[in-house]
């Protein structure tokens, strides 16, 4: 009888444990990043299908100072952000909640190369909104669910484009990607969204394209998207580094700097960050090797 009572007591206590105790694994990447808020990569038991990057200490983020949300789709639609760890961690260190599709990358060895669907980006948004409204969650009122970015690289960029019409989305980042000019080539891999150019009319937010210059296999598709996007503000930055971008460079390299500035502007209203993109000669021109085009923007 005592054993049964003890087991029941443990069960009741387990129900009372709030979700902030559900962190199942975590790791510090590149000493937490260059931002003001040292970041952490982690998984949460209530979202085991995704990887979270966020400031390690979230005590100061609440209410009007809560964390804007960025959901990320990986290159090749991989079900793990192992190619983008430095990049995503750096963005998080500037005060963002970043949720990438897939399992947390291993420190070494073979990574998870299964592929995930665009629906996981929506799942991340759903989870964050639920956590923000749950008084028993560590993220209660700590996620800015009014300012949400959907973003991704290559195949993940197509996933971001697929999800971009969601009315909850505030801005879109398409990196080393674009809707295929030749639809037949859009069947290249499992879970790659089968979009055509008419999908661009469904985008309703300011949009940033980051491309690797003419040597990027997605360059023509991405630039064609930009040419066809005439109803929303759009900015395209090109750095001639090819399809691989700068994600694996220390702190995500230049792509992280530009993406962070965009998110700081569009999700936080940071006027200083906006200077990288605004004016006749935006500050991106001060970064070696970058070129740009923009439409429907100052």
Protein backbone atom coordinates (compact mmCIF):
# COMPACT_ATOMS: atom_id res chain seq x y z
CA UNK A 1 0.00 0.00 0.00
CA UNK A 2 2.81 2.41 0.89
CA UNK A 3 4.42 1.73 -2.48
CA UNK A 4 1.18 2.57 -4.30
CA UNK A 5 0.70 5.77 -2.29
CA UNK A 6 4.31 6.79 -2.94
CA UNK A 7 3.90 6.20 -6.68
CA UNK A 8 0.68 8.23 -6.73
CA UNK A 9 2.38 11.06 -4.86
CA UNK A 10 5.24 11.14 -7.34
CA UNK A 11 2.74 11.22 -10.22
CA UNK A 12 0.83 14.16 -8.71
CA UNK A 13 4.06 16.05 -8.07
CA UNK A 14 5.15 15.47 -11.66
CA UNK A 15 1.96 17.10 -12.87
CA UNK A 16 2.68 20.13 -10.73
CA UNK A 17 6.15 20.68 -12.18
CA UNK A 18 5.95 23.70 -14.51
CA UNK A 19 7.26 23.46 -18.04
CA UNK A 20 10.33 25.55 -17.27
CA UNK A 21 11.79 22.34 -15.84
CA UNK A 22 11.45 20.54 -19.15
CA UNK A 23 14.76 21.55 -20.74
CA UNK A 24 16.24 18.23 -21.84
CA UNK A 25 19.60 19.27 -23.33
CA UNK A 26 21.57 22.46 -23.85
CA UNK A 27 24.91 23.67 -25.16
CA UNK A 28 26.75 26.98 -25.36
CA UNK A 29 27.84 27.85 -28.91
CA UNK A 30 30.78 30.19 -29.60
CA UNK A 31 30.78 31.53 -26.04
CA UNK A 32 27.19 32.65 -26.42
CA UNK A 33 27.62 34.91 -29.45
CA UNK A 34 28.60 38.56 -29.87
CA UNK A 35 25.29 40.08 -28.83
CA UNK A 36 24.34 41.74 -25.57
CA UNK A 37 22.63 38.58 -24.35
CA UNK A 38 24.74 35.43 -24.09
CA UNK A 39 22.84 32.76 -26.01
CA UNK A 40 22.14 29.09 -25.46
CA UNK A 41 21.16 26.27 -27.82
CA UNK A 42 18.69 23.86 -26.25
CA UNK A 43 15.80 21.47 -26.63
CA UNK A 44 12.57 21.51 -24.67
CA UNK A 45 10.73 18.33 -23.72
CA UNK A 46 7.48 19.91 -24.87
CA UNK A 47 8.97 20.57 -28.34
CA UNK A 48 11.40 17.69 -29.01
CA UNK A 49 11.05 18.09 -32.79
CA UNK A 50 12.82 21.49 -32.80
CA UNK A 51 15.95 23.25 -31.60
CA UNK A 52 15.77 26.52 -29.68
CA UNK A 53 18.33 29.33 -29.62
CA UNK A 54 17.69 32.07 -27.08
CA UNK A 55 19.37 34.26 -24.48
CA UNK A 56 20.54 32.11 -21.60
CA UNK A 57 19.04 34.48 -19.04
CA UNK A 58 15.49 35.44 -19.99
CA UNK A 59 14.55 37.14 -16.72
CA UNK A 60 14.69 40.61 -18.31
CA UNK A 61 12.43 39.69 -21.22
CA UNK A 62 8.80 40.19 -20.38
CA UNK A 63 5.80 42.15 -21.60
CA UNK A 64 6.85 45.01 -23.88
CA UNK A 65 10.47 43.80 -23.69
CA UNK A 66 9.68 40.21 -24.64
CA UNK A 67 11.60 38.19 -27.24
CA UNK A 68 10.56 38.54 -30.89
CA UNK A 69 10.15 35.13 -32.50
CA UNK A 70 12.06 33.80 -35.52
CA UNK A 71 11.26 30.35 -36.95
CA UNK A 72 13.86 28.81 -39.25
CA UNK A 73 13.87 26.16 -41.99
CA UNK A 74 17.19 24.43 -42.70
CA UNK A 75 19.15 23.96 -45.89
CA UNK A 76 18.15 20.81 -47.81
CA UNK A 77 15.08 20.78 -45.53
CA UNK A 78 17.25 18.81 -43.09
CA UNK A 79 15.55 17.92 -39.82
CA UNK A 80 18.36 19.54 -37.82
CA UNK A 81 20.00 22.99 -38.02
CA UNK A 82 23.56 21.61 -37.89
CA UNK A 83 24.65 23.79 -40.85
CA UNK A 84 23.39 26.98 -39.24
CA UNK A 85 24.32 26.77 -35.57
CA UNK A 86 26.74 29.73 -35.50
CA UNK A 87 24.35 31.89 -37.53
CA UNK A 88 21.24 31.18 -35.45
CA UNK A 89 23.07 31.41 -32.15
CA UNK A 90 24.47 34.82 -33.08
CA UNK A 91 21.02 36.18 -33.93
CA UNK A 92 19.62 34.87 -30.63
CA UNK A 93 22.38 36.65 -28.70
CA UNK A 94 20.91 39.96 -29.84
CA UNK A 95 17.67 39.29 -27.99
CA UNK A 96 15.58 36.95 -30.12
CA UNK A 97 13.83 33.62 -29.64
CA UNK A 98 14.90 31.46 -32.58
CA UNK A 99 13.25 28.08 -33.19
CA UNK A 100 14.75 25.90 -35.92
CA UNK A 101 13.12 22.78 -37.29
CA UNK A 102 14.65 19.48 -36.25
CA UNK A 103 16.72 17.91 -33.53
CA UNK A 104 19.61 19.62 -31.77
CA UNK A 105 22.89 19.13 -33.68
CA UNK A 106 25.50 16.77 -32.32
CA UNK A 107 28.87 18.16 -31.28
CA UNK A 108 30.57 15.67 -33.60
CA UNK A 109 29.79 12.73 -35.83
CA UNK A 110 27.05 12.10 -38.37
CA UNK A 111 24.21 14.61 -38.16
CA UNK A 112 20.48 14.07 -38.61
CA UNK A 113 19.91 14.30 -42.37
CA UNK A 114 16.30 13.24 -42.40
CA UNK A 115 14.05 15.87 -43.94
CA UNK A 116 11.18 17.82 -42.45
CA UNK A 117 8.14 19.58 -43.88
CA UNK A 118 7.19 23.26 -43.85
CA UNK A 119 4.44 22.42 -41.36
CA UNK A 120 7.11 22.34 -38.65
CA UNK A 121 7.56 26.10 -39.06
CA UNK A 122 3.87 26.57 -38.26
CA UNK A 123 4.22 24.11 -35.39
CA UNK A 124 6.99 26.27 -33.93
CA UNK A 125 4.78 29.36 -34.10
CA UNK A 126 1.88 27.47 -32.49
CA UNK A 127 4.11 26.20 -29.69
CA UNK A 128 5.61 29.63 -28.96
CA UNK A 129 2.17 31.27 -28.79
CA UNK A 130 0.92 28.54 -26.46
CA UNK A 131 3.98 28.82 -24.21
CA UNK A 132 3.65 32.59 -24.07
CA UNK A 133 0.09 32.23 -22.80
CA UNK A 134 0.80 29.43 -20.31
CA UNK A 135 1.35 30.75 -16.79
CA UNK A 136 3.22 27.56 -15.91
CA UNK A 137 5.74 28.01 -18.72
CA UNK A 138 9.17 29.57 -18.42
CA UNK A 139 8.18 31.58 -21.51
CA UNK A 140 4.97 33.02 -20.05
CA UNK A 141 4.67 36.56 -21.47
CA UNK A 142 8.32 36.39 -22.56
CA UNK A 143 7.76 35.83 -26.32
CA UNK A 144 6.61 38.71 -28.51
CA UNK A 145 3.97 36.87 -30.49
CA UNK A 146 3.00 40.08 -32.32
CA UNK A 147 6.40 40.18 -34.03
CA UNK A 148 7.19 36.92 -35.80
CA UNK A 149 9.66 36.24 -38.61
CA UNK A 150 9.65 33.18 -40.82
CA UNK A 151 13.02 32.44 -42.39
CA UNK A 152 15.04 29.70 -44.04
CA UNK A 153 17.94 28.78 -46.30
CA UNK A 154 17.79 26.98 -49.67
CA UNK A 155 15.07 24.29 -49.36
CA UNK A 156 14.26 25.83 -45.99
CA UNK A 157 13.85 29.16 -47.75
CA UNK A 158 11.14 27.61 -49.90
CA UNK A 159 9.52 26.33 -46.71
CA UNK A 160 9.63 29.86 -45.32
CA UNK A 161 8.02 31.14 -48.52
CA UNK A 162 5.29 28.51 -48.19
CA UNK A 163 4.47 29.62 -44.65
CA UNK A 164 4.89 33.37 -45.28
CA UNK A 165 1.17 33.99 -46.07
CA UNK A 166 0.31 33.10 -42.45
CA UNK A 167 -1.29 36.29 -41.04
CA UNK A 168 0.75 35.93 -37.84
CA UNK A 169 3.99 36.54 -39.76
CA UNK A 170 5.52 40.04 -39.56
CA UNK A 171 8.50 39.64 -41.90
CA UNK A 172 10.16 37.09 -44.20
CA UNK A 173 13.81 36.18 -44.80
CA UNK A 174 14.65 34.03 -47.83
CA UNK A 175 18.32 33.00 -47.83
CA UNK A 176 20.11 31.37 -50.80
CA UNK A 177 16.73 30.48 -52.20
CA UNK A 178 13.86 31.45 -54.45
CA UNK A 179 10.92 29.86 -56.19
CA UNK A 180 12.11 27.82 -59.16
CA UNK A 181 11.78 29.48 -62.55
CA UNK A 182 11.68 25.98 -63.99
CA UNK A 183 9.00 24.12 -61.95
CA UNK A 184 10.42 20.71 -62.92
CA UNK A 185 13.58 21.44 -60.94
CA UNK A 186 11.44 22.06 -57.88
CA UNK A 187 11.18 18.27 -57.36
CA UNK A 188 14.82 17.99 -56.35
CA UNK A 189 14.35 16.51 -52.85
CA UNK A 190 11.77 15.22 -50.39
CA UNK A 191 9.67 17.85 -48.58
CA UNK A 192 10.74 20.63 -50.95
CA UNK A 193 7.65 22.85 -51.34
CA UNK A 194 6.19 22.76 -54.84
CA UNK A 195 5.58 26.47 -55.32
CA UNK A 196 5.14 28.49 -58.47
CA UNK A 197 5.69 32.21 -58.95
CA UNK A 198 2.03 33.04 -58.34
CA UNK A 199 2.68 32.20 -54.67
CA UNK A 200 4.61 35.47 -54.38
CA UNK A 201 1.33 37.40 -54.52
CA UNK A 202 0.41 35.86 -51.14
CA UNK A 203 3.35 37.48 -49.33
CA UNK A 204 2.10 40.33 -47.15
CA UNK A 205 5.20 41.45 -45.23
CA UNK A 206 8.51 43.25 -45.77
CA UNK A 207 10.88 40.68 -47.27
CA UNK A 208 14.65 40.24 -47.25
CA UNK A 209 16.54 38.03 -49.71
CA UNK A 210 20.15 37.09 -48.91
CA UNK A 211 21.92 35.53 -51.88
CA UNK A 212 25.45 34.31 -52.56
CA UNK A 213 25.94 36.18 -55.84
CA UNK A 214 25.94 34.73 -59.36
CA UNK A 215 27.79 31.62 -58.20
CA UNK A 216 24.87 30.75 -55.90
CA UNK A 217 22.72 28.07 -57.58
CA UNK A 218 19.66 29.87 -56.18
CA UNK A 219 20.74 33.29 -57.49
CA UNK A 220 18.57 33.38 -60.63
CA UNK A 221 15.51 32.05 -58.81
CA UNK A 222 15.91 34.52 -55.95
CA UNK A 223 16.53 37.52 -58.20
CA UNK A 224 13.52 36.55 -60.29
CA UNK A 225 11.41 36.52 -57.11
CA UNK A 226 12.62 40.02 -56.29
CA UNK A 227 11.78 41.21 -59.80
CA UNK A 228 8.25 39.89 -59.42
CA UNK A 229 7.61 41.16 -55.88
CA UNK A 230 5.99 44.53 -56.49
CA UNK A 231 3.41 44.82 -53.71
CA UNK A 232 5.56 44.65 -50.54
CA UNK A 233 8.86 46.22 -49.44
CA UNK A 234 11.70 43.98 -50.61
CA UNK A 235 15.47 44.18 -50.20
CA UNK A 236 18.01 41.80 -51.71
CA UNK A 237 21.60 41.67 -50.54
CA UNK A 238 24.23 39.77 -52.53
CA UNK A 239 27.64 38.65 -51.34
CA UNK A 240 29.60 36.55 -53.83
CA UNK A 241 30.23 33.55 -51.58
CA UNK A 242 28.11 30.98 -53.40
CA UNK A 243 25.26 28.86 -52.15
CA UNK A 244 26.86 28.05 -48.79
CA UNK A 245 26.62 31.61 -47.51
CA UNK A 246 28.61 32.47 -44.38
CA UNK A 247 26.59 30.47 -41.85
CA UNK A 248 29.49 28.32 -40.64
CA UNK A 249 31.91 31.22 -40.26
CA UNK A 250 32.57 32.56 -36.75
CA UNK A 251 29.33 34.00 -35.40
CA UNK A 252 27.64 33.33 -38.73
CA UNK A 253 29.75 35.84 -40.68
CA UNK A 254 28.23 38.66 -42.71
CA UNK A 255 24.94 36.87 -43.32
CA UNK A 256 24.30 36.90 -39.57
CA UNK A 257 25.14 40.61 -39.35
CA UNK A 258 22.70 41.52 -42.12
CA UNK A 259 19.94 39.19 -40.91
CA UNK A 260 20.26 40.44 -37.34
CA UNK A 261 20.00 44.06 -38.50
CA UNK A 262 16.87 43.22 -40.53
CA UNK A 263 15.19 41.46 -37.61
CA UNK A 264 16.20 44.24 -35.21
CA UNK A 265 14.55 46.74 -37.54
CA UNK A 266 11.44 44.82 -38.51
CA UNK A 267 10.73 43.04 -35.22
CA UNK A 268 12.06 45.58 -32.70
CA UNK A 269 11.75 48.89 -34.54
CA UNK A 270 15.48 49.58 -34.22
CA UNK A 271 16.10 52.73 -36.30
CA UNK A 272 19.87 52.38 -36.10
CA UNK A 273 19.64 48.88 -37.57
CA UNK A 274 17.40 50.17 -40.37
CA UNK A 275 20.27 52.25 -41.76
CA UNK A 276 21.81 49.10 -43.19
CA UNK A 277 18.90 49.01 -45.65
CA UNK A 278 17.46 52.52 -46.01
CA UNK A 279 18.49 55.60 -47.98
CA UNK A 280 20.08 55.97 -51.40
CA UNK A 281 23.32 54.52 -50.06
CA UNK A 282 22.41 52.08 -47.29
CA UNK A 283 25.11 51.04 -44.85
CA UNK A 284 25.29 47.57 -46.39
CA UNK A 285 27.46 49.23 -49.07
CA UNK A 286 30.08 49.83 -46.35
CA UNK A 287 30.41 46.08 -45.89
CA UNK A 288 33.07 44.75 -48.32
CA UNK A 289 31.72 42.79 -51.28
CA UNK A 290 28.01 43.46 -50.81
CA UNK A 291 25.65 44.73 -53.50
CA UNK A 292 21.93 45.38 -53.17
CA UNK A 293 18.63 46.15 -54.82
CA UNK A 294 15.42 47.26 -53.19
CA UNK A 295 11.82 48.16 -54.00
CA UNK A 296 8.98 49.89 -52.16
CA UNK A 297 11.45 51.09 -49.52
CA UNK A 298 13.01 54.42 -48.64
